C-alpha atoms as a PDB file:
ATOM      1  CA  MET A   1      -0.651  55.915  98.862  1.00  0.00           C
ATOM      2  CA  GLY A   2       0.930  52.992 100.045  1.00  0.00           C
ATOM      3  CA  LEU A   3       3.593  50.208  99.170  1.00  0.00           C
ATOM      4  CA  PHE A   4       4.294  49.907  95.264  1.00  0.00           C
ATOM      5  CA  SER A   5       5.949  46.374  94.291  1.00  0.00           C
ATOM      6  CA  PHE A   6       8.668  46.437  91.677  1.00  0.00           C
ATOM      7  CA  LEU A   7      10.688  43.809  90.086  1.00  0.00           C
ATOM      8  CA  LYS A   8      13.912  43.926  91.720  1.00  0.00           C
ATOM      9  CA  LYS A   9      16.143  43.301  88.356  1.00  0.00           C
ATOM     10  CA  ALA A  10      13.592  45.321  85.882  1.00  0.00           C
ATOM     11  CA  GLY A  11      14.249  48.940  85.217  1.00  0.00           C
ATOM     12  CA  SER A  12      17.504  51.459  84.935  1.00  0.00           C
ATOM     13  CA  ASP A  13      20.730  49.835  86.456  1.00  0.00           C
ATOM     14  CA  ILE A  14      22.200  53.144  87.468  1.00  0.00           C
ATOM     15  CA  PHE A  15      24.203  51.374  90.379  1.00  0.00           C
ATOM     16  CA  LYS A  16      26.453  49.465  88.504  1.00  0.00           C
ATOM     17  CA  SER A  17      29.818  50.507  87.329  1.00  0.00           C
ATOM     18  CA  LYS A  18      30.757  49.917  83.273  1.00  0.00           C
ATOM     19  CA  GLU A  19      33.381  47.641  84.480  1.00  0.00           C
ATOM     20  CA  GLU A  20      30.520  45.438  86.053  1.00  0.00           C
ATOM     21  CA  LYS A  21      28.239  45.517  82.766  1.00  0.00           C
ATOM     22  CA  ALA A  22      31.107  44.797  80.876  1.00  0.00           C
ATOM     23  CA  ALA A  23      31.859  42.092  82.813  1.00  0.00           C
ATOM     24  CA  GLU A  24      28.530  40.573  82.944  1.00  0.00           C
ATOM     25  CA  ALA A  25      28.128  40.780  79.192  1.00  0.00           C
ATOM     26  CA  ALA A  26      31.173  38.979  79.305  1.00  0.00           C
ATOM     27  CA  ALA A  27      30.021  36.148  81.189  1.00  0.00           C
ATOM     28  CA  GLU A  28      27.032  36.070  79.386  1.00  0.00           C
ATOM     29  CA  ALA A  29      28.385  36.020  75.549  1.00  0.00           C
ATOM     30  CA  ALA A  30      30.889  33.006  77.092  1.00  0.00           C
ATOM     31  CA  ALA A  31      28.067  30.968  78.536  1.00  0.00           C
ATOM     32  CA  ARG A  32      25.842  31.197  75.253  1.00  0.00           C
ATOM     33  CA  LYS A  33      29.631  30.543  73.254  1.00  0.00           C
ATOM     34  CA  GLN A  34      29.579  27.138  75.712  1.00  0.00           C
ATOM     35  CA  GLN A  35      25.862  26.332  75.123  1.00  0.00           C
ATOM     36  CA  ARG A  36      26.601  26.478  71.049  1.00  0.00           C
ATOM     37  CA  LEU A  37      29.582  24.676  71.291  1.00  0.00           C
ATOM     38  CA  THR A  38      27.882  21.857  73.415  1.00  0.00           C
ATOM     39  CA  ALA A  39      24.943  21.889  70.596  1.00  0.00           C
ATOM     40  CA  LEU A  40      27.347  21.079  67.881  1.00  0.00           C
ATOM     41  CA  ARG A  41      29.264  18.758  70.094  1.00  0.00           C
ATOM     42  CA  GLY A  42      25.972  16.993  70.526  1.00  0.00           C
ATOM     43  CA  VAL A  43      25.193  17.265  66.416  1.00  0.00           C
ATOM     44  CA  VAL A  44      28.746  15.292  66.279  1.00  0.00           C
ATOM     45  CA  ASP A  45      27.902  12.549  68.882  1.00  0.00           C
ATOM     46  CA  GLY A  46      24.126  12.149  67.091  1.00  0.00           C
ATOM     47  CA  LEU A  47      25.901  10.741  63.869  1.00  0.00           C
ATOM     48  CA  ALA A  48      27.345   8.250  66.008  1.00  0.00           C
ATOM     49  CA  LEU A  49      30.690   8.199  63.810  1.00  0.00           C
ATOM     50  CA  PRO A  50      33.759   6.739  65.137  1.00  0.00           C
ATOM     51  CA  ILE A  51      35.674   9.944  65.803  1.00  0.00           C
ATOM     52  CA  SER A  52      38.381  10.011  68.518  1.00  0.00           C
ATOM     53  CA  ASP A  53      40.030  12.986  70.389  1.00  0.00           C
ATOM     54  CA  LEU A  54      36.971  15.334  69.494  1.00  0.00           C
ATOM     55  CA  GLU A  55      37.788  18.866  69.900  1.00  0.00           C
ATOM     56  CA  LEU A  56      35.765  21.971  68.686  1.00  0.00           C
ATOM     57  CA  GLU A  57      36.265  25.307  68.649  1.00  0.00           C
ATOM     58  CA  LEU A  58      33.975  28.297  67.703  1.00  0.00           C
ATOM     59  CA  ASP A  59      34.444  31.857  66.977  1.00  0.00           C
ATOM     60  CA  ASP A  60      31.438  33.680  65.583  1.00  0.00           C
ATOM     61  CA  ASP A  61      29.989  31.883  62.773  1.00  0.00           C
ATOM     62  CA  LYS A  62      33.340  29.681  62.119  1.00  0.00           C
ATOM     63  CA  VAL A  63      33.992  25.906  63.865  1.00  0.00           C
ATOM     64  CA  THR A  64      37.155  24.413  63.732  1.00  0.00           C
ATOM     65  CA  VAL A  65      37.070  21.103  64.545  1.00  0.00           C
ATOM     66  CA  TYR A  66      39.628  18.699  65.970  1.00  0.00           C
ATOM     67  CA  GLY A  67      40.187  14.855  65.771  1.00  0.00           C
ATOM     68  CA  GLN A  68      40.914  11.484  64.060  1.00  0.00           C
ATOM     69  CA  THR A  69      38.741   8.936  62.488  1.00  0.00           C
ATOM     70  CA  GLU A  70      39.243   6.306  60.217  1.00  0.00           C
ATOM     71  CA  SER A  71      37.903   6.958  56.861  1.00  0.00           C
ATOM     72  CA  GLN A  72      37.678  10.247  54.364  1.00  0.00           C
ATOM     73  CA  ALA A  73      33.709   9.510  54.621  1.00  0.00           C
ATOM     74  CA  ASP A  74      33.667   9.620  58.502  1.00  0.00           C
ATOM     75  CA  LYS A  75      35.360  13.076  58.675  1.00  0.00           C
ATOM     76  CA  GLU A  76      33.257  14.345  55.282  1.00  0.00           C
ATOM     77  CA  LYS A  77      30.343  13.596  57.296  1.00  0.00           C
ATOM     78  CA  VAL A  78      31.198  15.344  60.669  1.00  0.00           C
ATOM     79  CA  VAL A  79      32.313  18.557  58.458  1.00  0.00           C
ATOM     80  CA  LEU A  80      28.908  18.240  56.485  1.00  0.00           C
ATOM     81  CA  ALA A  81      26.675  17.891  59.998  1.00  0.00           C
ATOM     82  CA  LEU A  82      28.118  20.990  61.579  1.00  0.00           C
ATOM     83  CA  GLY A  83      28.023  23.403  58.335  1.00  0.00           C
ATOM     84  CA  ASN A  84      24.074  22.270  58.136  1.00  0.00           C
ATOM     85  CA  VAL A  85      23.651  23.928  60.998  1.00  0.00           C
ATOM     86  CA  ALA A  86      21.647  27.611  61.183  1.00  0.00           C
ATOM     87  CA  GLY A  87      24.422  30.140  62.431  1.00  0.00           C
ATOM     88  CA  ILE A  88      27.391  27.947  61.037  1.00  0.00           C
ATOM     89  CA  ALA A  89      29.236  30.016  57.874  1.00  0.00           C
ATOM     90  CA  THR A  90      32.621  28.160  57.799  1.00  0.00           C
ATOM     91  CA  VAL A  91      33.591  24.872  58.962  1.00  0.00           C
ATOM     92  CA  ASP A  92      37.859  24.492  59.398  1.00  0.00           C
ATOM     93  CA  ASP A  93      38.680  20.883  58.925  1.00  0.00           C
ATOM     94  CA  ARG A  94      41.681  19.774  61.372  1.00  0.00           C
ATOM     95  CA  ILE A  95      40.680  16.194  61.056  1.00  0.00           C
ATOM     96  CA  SER A  96      43.057  13.634  60.197  1.00  0.00           C
ATOM     97  CA  VAL A  97      42.345  10.340  58.445  1.00  0.00           C
ATOM     98  CA  VAL A  98      43.689   6.632  59.238  1.00  0.00           C
ATOM     99  CA  LYS A  99      43.062   5.447  55.899  1.00  0.00           C
ATOM    100  CA  PRO A 100      43.152   8.380  53.381  1.00  0.00           C
ATOM    101  CA  ALA A 101      40.898   8.093  50.641  1.00  0.00           C
ATOM    102  CA  PRO A 102      39.426  11.022  47.367  1.00  0.00           C
ATOM    103  CA  GLN A 103      37.567  12.699  48.689  1.00  0.00           C
ATOM    104  CA  ALA A 104      34.220  13.405  47.974  1.00  0.00           C
ATOM    105  CA  GLN A 105      32.448  16.548  46.127  1.00  0.00           C
ATOM    106  CA  PHE A 106      29.721  18.282  48.337  1.00  0.00           C
ATOM    107  CA  TYR A 107      26.947  19.689  46.555  1.00  0.00           C
ATOM    108  CA  GLU A 108      24.551  22.633  47.529  1.00  0.00           C
ATOM    109  CA  VAL A 109      21.105  21.682  47.444  1.00  0.00           C
ATOM    110  CA  LYS A 110      18.858  23.959  44.997  1.00  0.00           C
ATOM    111  CA  SER A 111      15.156  24.657  45.186  1.00  0.00           C
ATOM    112  CA  GLY A 112      13.851  21.942  43.049  1.00  0.00           C
ATOM    113  CA  ASP A 113      16.198  19.508  43.337  1.00  0.00           C
ATOM    114  CA  SER A 114      15.806  16.073  44.459  1.00  0.00           C
ATOM    115  CA  LEU A 115      18.259  12.916  45.082  1.00  0.00           C
ATOM    116  CA  SER A 116      17.495  11.557  42.066  1.00  0.00           C
ATOM    117  CA  LYS A 117      17.938  14.778  40.305  1.00  0.00           C
ATOM    118  CA  ILE A 118      21.374  15.505  41.259  1.00  0.00           C
ATOM    119  CA  ALA A 119      22.101  11.288  40.551  1.00  0.00           C
ATOM    120  CA  LYS A 120      21.192  12.342  37.566  1.00  0.00           C
ATOM    121  CA  ALA A 121      23.634  15.233  37.352  1.00  0.00           C
ATOM    122  CA  HIS A 122      26.620  13.558  39.048  1.00  0.00           C
ATOM    123  CA  TYR A 123      26.301  10.048  37.855  1.00  0.00           C
ATOM    124  CA  GLY A 124      24.274  10.508  34.493  1.00  0.00           C
ATOM    125  CA  ASP A 125      21.780   8.097  35.926  1.00  0.00           C
ATOM    126  CA  PRO A 126      18.913   9.200  38.357  1.00  0.00           C
ATOM    127  CA  MET A 127      18.516   5.312  39.581  1.00  0.00           C
ATOM    128  CA  LYS A 128      22.369   5.894  41.468  1.00  0.00           C
ATOM    129  CA  TYR A 129      20.044   8.465  44.251  1.00  0.00           C
ATOM    130  CA  PRO A 130      21.139   5.765  46.936  1.00  0.00           C
ATOM    131  CA  VAL A 131      24.507   6.308  46.903  1.00  0.00           C
ATOM    132  CA  ILE A 132      23.666   9.512  47.690  1.00  0.00           C
ATOM    133  CA  PHE A 133      21.392   8.998  50.418  1.00  0.00           C
ATOM    134  CA  GLU A 134      23.900   6.182  51.998  1.00  0.00           C
ATOM    135  CA  ALA A 135      26.651   8.621  51.537  1.00  0.00           C
ATOM    136  CA  ASN A 136      24.950  11.211  54.043  1.00  0.00           C
ATOM    137  CA  LYS A 137      23.825   9.054  56.760  1.00  0.00           C
ATOM    138  CA  PRO A 138      22.575   9.323  59.477  1.00  0.00           C
ATOM    139  CA  MET A 139      22.518  13.314  58.416  1.00  0.00           C
ATOM    140  CA  LEU A 140      19.470  12.181  55.840  1.00  0.00           C
ATOM    141  CA  LYS A 141      16.964   9.993  57.204  1.00  0.00           C
ATOM    142  CA  ASP A 142      14.418  10.296  53.996  1.00  0.00           C
ATOM    143  CA  PRO A 143      15.948  10.473  50.679  1.00  0.00           C
ATOM    144  CA  ASN A 144      12.683  13.037  49.936  1.00  0.00           C
ATOM    145  CA  LEU A 145      13.766  15.401  52.884  1.00  0.00           C
ATOM    146  CA  ILE A 146      16.481  17.275  51.504  1.00  0.00           C
ATOM    147  CA  TYR A 147      16.271  20.966  51.466  1.00  0.00           C
ATOM    148  CA  PRO A 148      17.675  23.949  49.599  1.00  0.00           C
ATOM    149  CA  GLY A 149      20.837  25.505  51.099  1.00  0.00           C
ATOM    150  CA  GLN A 150      21.388  21.868  52.557  1.00  0.00           C
ATOM    151  CA  VAL A 151      25.333  20.319  51.637  1.00  0.00           C
ATOM    152  CA  LEU A 152      25.616  17.091  50.391  1.00  0.00           C
ATOM    153  CA  ARG A 153      28.430  14.510  49.799  1.00  0.00           C
ATOM    154  CA  ILE A 154      28.494  13.550  46.529  1.00  0.00           C
ATOM    155  CA  PRO A 155      31.044  10.399  45.988  1.00  0.00           C
ATOM    156  CA  ALA A 156      32.885   8.819  43.531  1.00  0.00           C
ATOM    157  CA  LEU A 157      31.041   5.843  41.811  1.00  0.00           C
ATOM    158  CA  GLU A 158      33.049   2.601  43.041  1.00  0.00           C
ATOM    159  CA  LYS A 159      34.250   0.779  39.463  1.00  0.00           C
END
């Protein structure tokens, strides 16, 4: 018949012990977790917000974020950026703020929403949509590009 070639890594793995298989699975899970943490760190770094001592911990679909920033708005933007990542269900916020201020409201975008519709509901004036847009920069690049399920900051209007 002759010589047949096979892929060395394919097929039944009958030569490894359960312990070796478990160790490989644990190493693969740790590598995936590190990749996810690196990606989440990239999301926060991409905002270019002034946050010091940033640390992230990941436990399945929950991310815990530590650090310090100057403003409540920057803190909320970090939390929202992490929470608006697919696969993240909860964000445990442990960021300290140097100059505390009142928290903004968070709003989950519904189908058919627009920033002007959200502004009308929260401020009574659809023309106040730039306030919401500015409050969500740099996460929002265009006031017309929001999607259902996205969570936005709705700050109080300054008097």
